[in-house]
Amino acid sequence: MNSSSVSVALRVKLGLAAPALRSATAALWRPAGLGPRYVEYLYAMHALIRASVPLMERAARRCAELAPGDPVAGPLGRYLRGHARDERGHDRWLLEDLAVTGADPAAALDRLPPPVVADLAGAQYYWIEHHHPVALLGYILVLEENAPAPWLADRLAAGTGLPAAAFRTLREHAELDRGHVAALDGLLDTLPLTPALQSAVGVSALCTADGITRLFRRLATASSDPSGGPV
């Protein structure tokens, strides 16, 4: 496969998962019960996003271990270190959003993270440690390509009656992640990926799309569980 087609081929694969993810997203943001469900969304996303920077930092260290014999490791490590800097502190935004809703931010740190969140992040740790850190690019791409639409924060503020400040994370990611996706596409199309490494990125991306779909479906159907039980 020509390296310039890697990002295109990945989109074709992800197209298979797109209808289910769109359906789960629509159910998540339906008007009925939106306020409490948004609070649960913030808790769940904090559990997921707090793992983002540690994942990228661990993957960057693995790249350093693999270099110089691995031609992918050098540029991949540089990208991951830079992207980790860009993403640092975003978990705190979610705690601040929770506080504005009137929820308890401390509960986000006390709760057992939902099993589906552990599945999502845990698969990446496994592939980083036991296969190749390039798999993390599939995870990053799915999360950033499915960032909130620019209009979503205003719609949710109107639907919930919550202050605009409760939607900072949604607003910031709607703006930031568009540029991040373009940069990641450029990286995928310039890395010297073998067919096996392309496959690793694709499997990671599909696994992530499935996990996000399952998370959104559970959030869409589960009632608030103040005990912090599985979502």
Foldseek 3Di string as FASTA:
>chain_A
DALQCLVVVLVVLCVVLVVLLVVLVCLLCDLPPNLQLVLVVLLQVLLQLVCQLVLLVLLLVLLVVCPDVDQQSVVSSVVSVVVSVVSPPLSVLSLQLSVQSVHHSVLSVVFDHAPLSCVLSVVQVCCSVPNHNLLVLLLLLLDLVPQAAQCVLVVSCVSNVGDSSSCVSSNVSNPPSVVVNVVSSVSSSPRPDDPVSSVSNSVSNVSNSVSSSVVSNCSSPDDDDSVNDHD
